[in-house]
Amino acid sequence: MSGKGPDEVIIDAEGLILGRMASQVAKRLLNGEKIVIVNAEKAIISGKRLSILREKYDFLQIGHFRKGPFHPRRPDTIVKRVIRGMLPRKKPRGKEAIKRLRVYIGVPKDYEGKKMEKIPEANGRDLRGPHIEVSELARNIGWKEIKG
């Protein structure tokens, strides 16, 4: 968990639209910034709850439980996978960019009290239609939240 430096950017994902946040983060990672995302479970996905869940269930049917492809079920890995999908991950530039990203559920003790940034372009406050949080999606596809 150590390795935090002054050049790290901490982004609070609470209330941010997942796709818009991910595209901004991917762009910044490719520019060489180190990014830490906290409160990943509180990012939101726009759309009707049932259609989002149905689409995810259908996608989970692809693959074999032993051989893969393996699908993320925890909120932090869901967010990281969305960002990874926006990077050229098979090229050296993209591999290095993924290494500069860290995603956490909640706020780790190392980052409490630090200055956190919001991405104004991804603000979900102006969202008029239905939406769900990443934590709700994760719970519905098999994430067992451990409290304590």
N, C-alpha and C. Protein backbone atom coordinates (compact mmCIF):
# COMPACT_ATOMS: atom_id res chain seq x y z
N MET A 1 0.80 -1.19 0.00
CA MET A 1 0.00 0.00 0.00
C MET A 1 0.85 1.26 0.00
N SER A 2 2.10 1.12 0.40
CA SER A 2 2.93 2.31 0.41
C SER A 2 3.34 2.63 -1.02
N GLY A 3 4.11 3.68 -1.18
CA GLY A 3 4.48 4.08 -2.53
C GLY A 3 3.69 5.29 -2.97
N LYS A 4 2.92 5.85 -2.04
CA LYS A 4 2.17 7.05 -2.40
C LYS A 4 3.14 8.22 -2.41
N GLY A 5 3.04 9.01 -3.41
CA GLY A 5 3.95 10.14 -3.53
C GLY A 5 3.20 11.41 -3.83
N PRO A 6 3.92 12.50 -3.91
CA PRO A 6 3.27 13.78 -4.18
C PRO A 6 2.71 13.88 -5.60
N ASP A 7 3.21 13.00 -6.49
CA ASP A 7 2.74 13.06 -7.88
C ASP A 7 1.49 12.22 -8.11
N GLU A 8 0.97 11.56 -7.06
CA GLU A 8 -0.25 10.77 -7.20
C GLU A 8 -1.48 11.66 -7.16
N VAL A 9 -2.44 11.34 -8.01
CA VAL A 9 -3.71 12.05 -8.02
C VAL A 9 -4.74 11.11 -7.40
N ILE A 10 -5.46 11.60 -6.38
CA ILE A 10 -6.48 10.78 -5.72
C ILE A 10 -7.83 11.26 -6.20
N ILE A 11 -8.61 10.36 -6.79
CA ILE A 11 -9.93 10.70 -7.32
C ILE A 11 -10.99 10.00 -6.49
N ASP A 12 -11.96 10.78 -6.01
CA ASP A 12 -13.09 10.23 -5.26
C ASP A 12 -14.19 9.91 -6.27
N ALA A 13 -14.52 8.63 -6.42
CA ALA A 13 -15.49 8.20 -7.44
C ALA A 13 -16.93 8.34 -6.98
N GLU A 14 -17.16 8.80 -5.77
CA GLU A 14 -18.53 8.89 -5.25
C GLU A 14 -19.37 9.84 -6.10
N GLY A 15 -20.46 9.31 -6.66
CA GLY A 15 -21.38 10.12 -7.44
C GLY A 15 -20.92 10.42 -8.85
N LEU A 16 -19.84 9.79 -9.31
CA LEU A 16 -19.36 10.03 -10.68
C LEU A 16 -19.89 8.94 -11.61
N ILE A 17 -20.20 9.32 -12.84
CA ILE A 17 -20.67 8.37 -13.85
C ILE A 17 -19.46 7.53 -14.28
N LEU A 18 -19.59 6.22 -14.18
CA LEU A 18 -18.47 5.30 -14.37
C LEU A 18 -17.76 5.47 -15.72
N GLY A 19 -18.49 5.44 -16.81
CA GLY A 19 -17.88 5.52 -18.14
C GLY A 19 -17.17 6.83 -18.40
N ARG A 20 -17.78 7.92 -17.98
CA ARG A 20 -17.17 9.24 -18.19
C ARG A 20 -15.92 9.40 -17.33
N MET A 21 -16.00 8.92 -16.10
CA MET A 21 -14.83 8.97 -15.23
C MET A 21 -13.70 8.12 -15.81
N ALA A 22 -14.05 6.92 -16.28
CA ALA A 22 -13.05 5.99 -16.81
C ALA A 22 -12.33 6.56 -18.03
N SER A 23 -13.05 7.23 -18.90
CA SER A 23 -12.40 7.79 -20.09
C SER A 23 -11.43 8.90 -19.73
N GLN A 24 -11.79 9.72 -18.75
CA GLN A 24 -10.89 10.79 -18.30
C GLN A 24 -9.65 10.20 -17.61
N VAL A 25 -9.86 9.19 -16.78
CA VAL A 25 -8.75 8.54 -16.07
C VAL A 25 -7.82 7.86 -17.07
N ALA A 26 -8.37 7.17 -18.06
CA ALA A 26 -7.55 6.48 -19.06
C ALA A 26 -6.66 7.47 -19.81
N LYS A 27 -7.22 8.60 -20.16
CA LYS A 27 -6.46 9.63 -20.87
C LYS A 27 -5.30 10.13 -20.00
N ARG A 28 -5.59 10.35 -18.72
CA ARG A 28 -4.56 10.86 -17.81
C ARG A 28 -3.49 9.81 -17.53
N LEU A 29 -3.88 8.53 -17.48
CA LEU A 29 -2.90 7.46 -17.29
C LEU A 29 -1.94 7.39 -18.47
N LEU A 30 -2.47 7.54 -19.67
CA LEU A 30 -1.63 7.52 -20.86
C LEU A 30 -0.68 8.71 -20.91
N ASN A 31 -1.05 9.79 -20.23
CA ASN A 31 -0.17 10.97 -20.16
C ASN A 31 0.88 10.83 -19.06
N GLY A 32 0.88 9.72 -18.33
CA GLY A 32 1.93 9.45 -17.36
C GLY A 32 1.58 9.74 -15.91
N GLU A 33 0.35 10.09 -15.60
CA GLU A 33 -0.03 10.38 -14.21
C GLU A 33 -0.26 9.08 -13.45
N LYS A 34 0.04 9.12 -12.14
CA LYS A 34 -0.30 8.01 -11.25
C LYS A 34 -1.63 8.35 -10.61
N ILE A 35 -2.59 7.44 -10.71
CA ILE A 35 -3.94 7.75 -10.24
C ILE A 35 -4.41 6.69 -9.25
N VAL A 36 -5.02 7.18 -8.17
CA VAL A 36 -5.63 6.32 -7.16
C VAL A 36 -7.11 6.68 -7.13
N ILE A 37 -7.97 5.68 -7.27
CA ILE A 37 -9.42 5.91 -7.21
C ILE A 37 -9.93 5.31 -5.91
N VAL A 38 -10.62 6.13 -5.11
CA VAL A 38 -11.21 5.66 -3.86
C VAL A 38 -12.73 5.71 -3.98
N ASN A 39 -13.42 5.00 -3.11
CA ASN A 39 -14.88 4.90 -3.13
C ASN A 39 -15.39 4.38 -4.48
N ALA A 40 -14.72 3.38 -5.02
CA ALA A 40 -15.09 2.83 -6.32
C ALA A 40 -16.51 2.27 -6.32
N GLU A 41 -16.95 1.78 -5.17
CA GLU A 41 -18.29 1.17 -5.10
C GLU A 41 -19.40 2.19 -5.21
N LYS A 42 -19.08 3.48 -5.07
CA LYS A 42 -20.10 4.52 -5.11
C LYS A 42 -20.20 5.21 -6.46
N ALA A 43 -19.45 4.74 -7.45
CA ALA A 43 -19.59 5.26 -8.81
C ALA A 43 -20.94 4.78 -9.34
N ILE A 44 -21.51 5.52 -10.30
CA ILE A 44 -22.84 5.14 -10.78
C ILE A 44 -22.82 4.78 -12.26
N ILE A 45 -23.74 3.91 -12.62
CA ILE A 45 -23.93 3.48 -14.01
C ILE A 45 -25.31 3.95 -14.41
N SER A 46 -25.40 4.71 -15.49
CA SER A 46 -26.70 5.23 -15.90
C SER A 46 -27.47 4.17 -16.69
N GLY A 47 -28.77 4.16 -16.50
CA GLY A 47 -29.63 3.21 -17.19
C GLY A 47 -30.59 2.56 -16.22
N LYS A 48 -31.57 1.87 -16.78
CA LYS A 48 -32.55 1.18 -15.94
C LYS A 48 -31.88 0.00 -15.24
N ARG A 49 -32.21 -0.16 -13.97
CA ARG A 49 -31.61 -1.19 -13.13
C ARG A 49 -31.74 -2.58 -13.75
N LEU A 50 -32.95 -2.94 -14.17
CA LEU A 50 -33.18 -4.28 -14.71
C LEU A 50 -32.42 -4.52 -16.01
N SER A 51 -32.36 -3.52 -16.88
CA SER A 51 -31.66 -3.73 -18.15
C SER A 51 -30.15 -3.86 -17.93
N ILE A 52 -29.60 -3.11 -16.97
CA ILE A 52 -28.17 -3.22 -16.66
C ILE A 52 -27.87 -4.61 -16.11
N LEU A 53 -28.71 -5.07 -15.16
CA LEU A 53 -28.49 -6.38 -14.55
C LEU A 53 -28.67 -7.51 -15.57
N ARG A 54 -29.69 -7.41 -16.42
CA ARG A 54 -29.93 -8.45 -17.43
C ARG A 54 -28.74 -8.54 -18.39
N GLU A 55 -28.23 -7.38 -18.80
CA GLU A 55 -27.08 -7.34 -19.71
C GLU A 55 -25.86 -7.99 -19.06
N LYS A 56 -25.65 -7.70 -17.78
CA LYS A 56 -24.50 -8.26 -17.06
C LYS A 56 -24.67 -9.77 -16.87
N TYR A 57 -25.88 -10.23 -16.53
CA TYR A 57 -26.13 -11.67 -16.38
C TYR A 57 -25.84 -12.40 -17.69
N ASP A 58 -26.31 -11.83 -18.80
CA ASP A 58 -26.07 -12.45 -20.10
C ASP A 58 -24.57 -12.55 -20.39
N PHE A 59 -23.84 -11.50 -20.03
CA PHE A 59 -22.40 -11.48 -20.26
C PHE A 59 -21.68 -12.50 -19.38
N LEU A 60 -22.19 -12.71 -18.18
CA LEU A 60 -21.57 -13.66 -17.26
C LEU A 60 -21.71 -15.10 -17.74
N GLN A 61 -22.66 -15.37 -18.62
CA GLN A 61 -22.86 -16.73 -19.12
C GLN A 61 -21.76 -17.14 -20.09
N ILE A 62 -21.02 -16.17 -20.62
CA ILE A 62 -19.95 -16.47 -21.57
C ILE A 62 -18.76 -17.04 -20.81
N GLY A 63 -18.24 -18.15 -21.28
CA GLY A 63 -17.05 -18.72 -20.67
C GLY A 63 -17.34 -19.90 -19.78
N HIS A 64 -16.27 -20.47 -19.27
CA HIS A 64 -16.33 -21.63 -18.41
C HIS A 64 -15.78 -21.23 -17.05
N PHE A 65 -16.35 -21.76 -15.98
CA PHE A 65 -15.94 -21.32 -14.65
C PHE A 65 -14.51 -21.71 -14.30
N ARG A 66 -13.94 -22.70 -14.99
CA ARG A 66 -12.55 -23.07 -14.73
C ARG A 66 -11.58 -22.47 -15.74
N LYS A 67 -12.01 -22.37 -16.98
CA LYS A 67 -11.10 -21.96 -18.04
C LYS A 67 -11.17 -20.47 -18.38
N GLY A 68 -12.27 -19.82 -18.03
CA GLY A 68 -12.40 -18.40 -18.31
C GLY A 68 -13.15 -18.16 -19.60
N PRO A 69 -13.33 -16.93 -20.00
CA PRO A 69 -12.83 -15.71 -19.37
C PRO A 69 -13.51 -15.48 -18.01
N PHE A 70 -12.73 -14.92 -17.09
CA PHE A 70 -13.22 -14.67 -15.75
C PHE A 70 -13.74 -13.24 -15.65
N HIS A 71 -14.87 -13.07 -15.03
CA HIS A 71 -15.52 -11.77 -14.97
C HIS A 71 -15.40 -11.20 -13.56
N PRO A 72 -15.04 -9.92 -13.45
CA PRO A 72 -14.90 -9.32 -12.12
C PRO A 72 -16.25 -9.18 -11.43
N ARG A 73 -16.27 -9.37 -10.11
CA ARG A 73 -17.50 -9.24 -9.34
C ARG A 73 -17.38 -8.22 -8.22
N ARG A 74 -16.16 -7.87 -7.84
CA ARG A 74 -15.97 -6.86 -6.80
C ARG A 74 -16.01 -5.47 -7.43
N PRO A 75 -16.52 -4.46 -6.73
CA PRO A 75 -16.63 -3.12 -7.31
C PRO A 75 -15.30 -2.53 -7.77
N ASP A 76 -14.22 -2.73 -7.01
CA ASP A 76 -12.94 -2.17 -7.41
C ASP A 76 -12.42 -2.81 -8.69
N THR A 77 -12.62 -4.13 -8.84
CA THR A 77 -12.14 -4.79 -10.05
C THR A 77 -13.04 -4.48 -11.25
N ILE A 78 -14.32 -4.23 -11.01
CA ILE A 78 -15.22 -3.82 -12.10
C ILE A 78 -14.76 -2.48 -12.66
N VAL A 79 -14.47 -1.53 -11.76
CA VAL A 79 -14.03 -0.20 -12.19
C VAL A 79 -12.69 -0.29 -12.91
N LYS A 80 -11.77 -1.08 -12.37
CA LYS A 80 -10.46 -1.22 -13.00
C LYS A 80 -10.58 -1.85 -14.38
N ARG A 81 -11.49 -2.82 -14.53
CA ARG A 81 -11.69 -3.49 -15.82
C ARG A 81 -12.28 -2.53 -16.86
N VAL A 82 -13.18 -1.63 -16.42
CA VAL A 82 -13.76 -0.64 -17.34
C VAL A 82 -12.66 0.29 -17.85
N ILE A 83 -11.78 0.72 -16.96
CA ILE A 83 -10.68 1.61 -17.35
C ILE A 83 -9.71 0.87 -18.26
N ARG A 84 -9.41 -0.39 -17.92
CA ARG A 84 -8.51 -1.20 -18.74
C ARG A 84 -9.02 -1.34 -20.16
N GLY A 85 -10.35 -1.42 -20.30
CA GLY A 85 -10.95 -1.53 -21.63
C GLY A 85 -10.76 -0.30 -22.49
N MET A 86 -10.39 0.81 -21.88
CA MET A 86 -10.18 2.06 -22.61
C MET A 86 -8.70 2.32 -22.87
N LEU A 87 -7.85 1.37 -22.52
CA LEU A 87 -6.40 1.51 -22.72
C LEU A 87 -5.91 0.49 -23.74
N PRO A 88 -4.82 0.81 -24.45
CA PRO A 88 -4.22 -0.17 -25.37
C PRO A 88 -3.38 -1.16 -24.57
N ARG A 89 -4.05 -2.07 -23.83
CA ARG A 89 -3.39 -2.89 -22.82
C ARG A 89 -2.39 -3.91 -23.36
N LYS A 90 -2.42 -4.19 -24.66
CA LYS A 90 -1.48 -5.17 -25.20
C LYS A 90 -0.20 -4.52 -25.72
N LYS A 91 -0.13 -3.20 -25.63
CA LYS A 91 1.06 -2.48 -26.06
C LYS A 91 1.81 -2.00 -24.82
N PRO A 92 3.11 -1.81 -24.90
CA PRO A 92 3.89 -1.41 -23.73
C PRO A 92 3.36 -0.14 -23.05
N ARG A 93 2.93 0.81 -23.84
CA ARG A 93 2.41 2.07 -23.31
C ARG A 93 1.17 1.83 -22.44
N GLY A 94 0.30 0.94 -22.89
CA GLY A 94 -0.91 0.62 -22.14
C GLY A 94 -0.62 -0.20 -20.90
N LYS A 95 0.34 -1.14 -20.99
CA LYS A 95 0.71 -1.95 -19.83
C LYS A 95 1.26 -1.07 -18.72
N GLU A 96 2.09 -0.11 -19.10
CA GLU A 96 2.66 0.82 -18.10
C GLU A 96 1.56 1.69 -17.49
N ALA A 97 0.60 2.08 -18.30
CA ALA A 97 -0.51 2.91 -17.81
C ALA A 97 -1.33 2.16 -16.77
N ILE A 98 -1.61 0.88 -17.00
CA ILE A 98 -2.39 0.08 -16.06
C ILE A 98 -1.66 -0.06 -14.73
N LYS A 99 -0.32 -0.15 -14.78
CA LYS A 99 0.47 -0.26 -13.55
C LYS A 99 0.39 1.01 -12.70
N ARG A 100 0.08 2.13 -13.33
CA ARG A 100 -0.01 3.40 -12.60
C ARG A 100 -1.38 3.63 -11.97
N LEU A 101 -2.28 2.67 -12.09
CA LEU A 101 -3.64 2.82 -11.56
C LEU A 101 -3.85 1.92 -10.36
N ARG A 102 -4.48 2.48 -9.31
CA ARG A 102 -4.92 1.70 -8.16
C ARG A 102 -6.35 2.08 -7.83
N VAL A 103 -7.17 1.08 -7.54
CA VAL A 103 -8.59 1.32 -7.26
C VAL A 103 -8.92 0.66 -5.92
N TYR A 104 -9.64 1.39 -5.06
CA TYR A 104 -9.98 0.89 -3.73
C TYR A 104 -11.47 1.00 -3.45
N ILE A 105 -11.97 0.06 -2.64
CA ILE A 105 -13.32 0.14 -2.10
C ILE A 105 -13.19 0.98 -0.83
N GLY A 106 -13.97 2.03 -0.72
CA GLY A 106 -13.86 2.92 0.44
C GLY A 106 -12.60 3.77 0.34
N VAL A 107 -12.20 4.35 1.48
CA VAL A 107 -11.00 5.18 1.53
C VAL A 107 -10.00 4.51 2.47
N PRO A 108 -8.85 4.02 1.95
CA PRO A 108 -7.85 3.41 2.81
C PRO A 108 -7.28 4.44 3.80
N LYS A 109 -6.75 3.95 4.91
CA LYS A 109 -6.21 4.85 5.94
C LYS A 109 -5.08 5.73 5.40
N ASP A 110 -4.33 5.23 4.44
CA ASP A 110 -3.23 6.01 3.87
C ASP A 110 -3.71 7.28 3.18
N TYR A 111 -4.95 7.26 2.70
CA TYR A 111 -5.45 8.38 1.91
C TYR A 111 -6.49 9.22 2.64
N GLU A 112 -6.81 8.87 3.88
CA GLU A 112 -7.76 9.68 4.65
C GLU A 112 -7.16 11.05 4.93
N GLY A 113 -7.95 12.08 4.73
CA GLY A 113 -7.49 13.44 5.00
C GLY A 113 -6.69 14.06 3.87
N LYS A 114 -6.39 13.31 2.82
CA LYS A 114 -5.66 13.86 1.67
C LYS A 114 -6.64 14.59 0.77
N LYS A 115 -6.09 15.46 -0.06
CA LYS A 115 -6.91 16.22 -1.00
C LYS A 115 -7.37 15.27 -2.11
N MET A 116 -8.70 15.17 -2.25
CA MET A 116 -9.26 14.29 -3.28
C MET A 116 -9.90 15.14 -4.36
N GLU A 117 -9.78 14.65 -5.56
CA GLU A 117 -10.24 15.37 -6.73
C GLU A 117 -11.53 14.75 -7.24
N LYS A 118 -12.40 15.58 -7.79
CA LYS A 118 -13.60 15.09 -8.50
C LYS A 118 -13.41 15.44 -9.97
N ILE A 119 -14.03 14.69 -10.83
CA ILE A 119 -13.97 14.99 -12.27
C ILE A 119 -15.29 15.65 -12.64
N PRO A 120 -15.28 16.97 -12.90
CA PRO A 120 -16.54 17.67 -13.15
C PRO A 120 -17.31 17.16 -14.38
N GLU A 121 -16.60 16.67 -15.39
CA GLU A 121 -17.27 16.17 -16.60
C GLU A 121 -18.05 14.89 -16.32
N ALA A 122 -17.72 14.19 -15.24
CA ALA A 122 -18.34 12.90 -14.94
C ALA A 122 -19.36 13.00 -13.81
N ASN A 123 -19.72 14.19 -13.42
CA ASN A 123 -20.60 14.36 -12.27
C ASN A 123 -21.98 13.77 -12.55
N GLY A 124 -22.43 12.89 -11.68
CA GLY A 124 -23.72 12.23 -11.85
C GLY A 124 -24.87 12.97 -11.22
N ARG A 125 -24.58 14.10 -10.60
CA ARG A 125 -25.62 14.89 -9.94
C ARG A 125 -26.65 15.40 -10.95
N ASP A 126 -26.21 15.68 -12.17
CA ASP A 126 -27.11 16.21 -13.19
C ASP A 126 -27.85 15.11 -13.94
N LEU A 127 -27.62 13.87 -13.58
CA LEU A 127 -28.25 12.74 -14.26
C LEU A 127 -29.73 12.70 -13.91
N ARG A 128 -30.58 12.80 -14.92
CA ARG A 128 -32.03 12.83 -14.68
C ARG A 128 -32.66 11.46 -14.71
N GLY A 129 -32.10 10.56 -15.48
CA GLY A 129 -32.70 9.23 -15.65
C GLY A 129 -32.32 8.27 -14.54
N PRO A 130 -32.77 7.03 -14.67
CA PRO A 130 -32.46 6.01 -13.66
C PRO A 130 -30.98 5.61 -13.69
N HIS A 131 -30.48 5.16 -12.56
CA HIS A 131 -29.10 4.72 -12.46
C HIS A 131 -28.93 3.81 -11.25
N ILE A 132 -27.83 3.05 -11.23
CA ILE A 132 -27.50 2.22 -10.07
C ILE A 132 -26.04 2.43 -9.71
N GLU A 133 -25.70 2.12 -8.46
CA GLU A 133 -24.31 2.20 -8.03
C GLU A 133 -23.59 0.91 -8.41
N VAL A 134 -22.28 1.00 -8.54
CA VAL A 134 -21.47 -0.18 -8.87
C VAL A 134 -21.60 -1.23 -7.77
N SER A 135 -21.74 -0.80 -6.51
CA SER A 135 -21.88 -1.76 -5.41
C SER A 135 -23.16 -2.59 -5.55
N GLU A 136 -24.23 -1.96 -6.02
CA GLU A 136 -25.49 -2.70 -6.21
C GLU A 136 -25.34 -3.72 -7.33
N LEU A 137 -24.69 -3.33 -8.41
CA LEU A 137 -24.44 -4.26 -9.52
C LEU A 137 -23.59 -5.43 -9.02
N ALA A 138 -22.53 -5.12 -8.27
CA ALA A 138 -21.63 -6.16 -7.77
C ALA A 138 -22.36 -7.14 -6.85
N ARG A 139 -23.20 -6.62 -5.96
CA ARG A 139 -23.96 -7.50 -5.06
C ARG A 139 -24.88 -8.43 -5.84
N ASN A 140 -25.47 -7.93 -6.91
CA ASN A 140 -26.40 -8.74 -7.69
C ASN A 140 -25.72 -9.80 -8.55
N ILE A 141 -24.43 -9.63 -8.84
CA ILE A 141 -23.74 -10.64 -9.66
C ILE A 141 -22.83 -11.54 -8.84
N GLY A 142 -22.89 -11.41 -7.51
CA GLY A 142 -22.19 -12.39 -6.69
C GLY A 142 -21.14 -11.87 -5.72
N TRP A 143 -20.99 -10.56 -5.57
CA TRP A 143 -20.02 -10.03 -4.60
C TRP A 143 -20.57 -10.17 -3.20
N LYS A 144 -19.80 -10.76 -2.33
CA LYS A 144 -20.21 -10.89 -0.94
C LYS A 144 -19.40 -9.89 -0.12
N GLU A 145 -20.05 -8.80 0.23
CA GLU A 145 -19.39 -7.71 0.94
C GLU A 145 -19.01 -8.16 2.35
N ILE A 146 -17.75 -7.93 2.70
CA ILE A 146 -17.28 -8.27 4.04
C ILE A 146 -17.19 -6.98 4.83
N LYS A 147 -17.98 -6.89 5.88
CA LYS A 147 -17.97 -5.68 6.70
C LYS A 147 -17.16 -5.96 7.96
N GLY A 148 -16.39 -4.95 8.34
CA GLY A 148 -15.64 -5.13 9.57
C GLY A 148 -14.30 -4.55 9.56
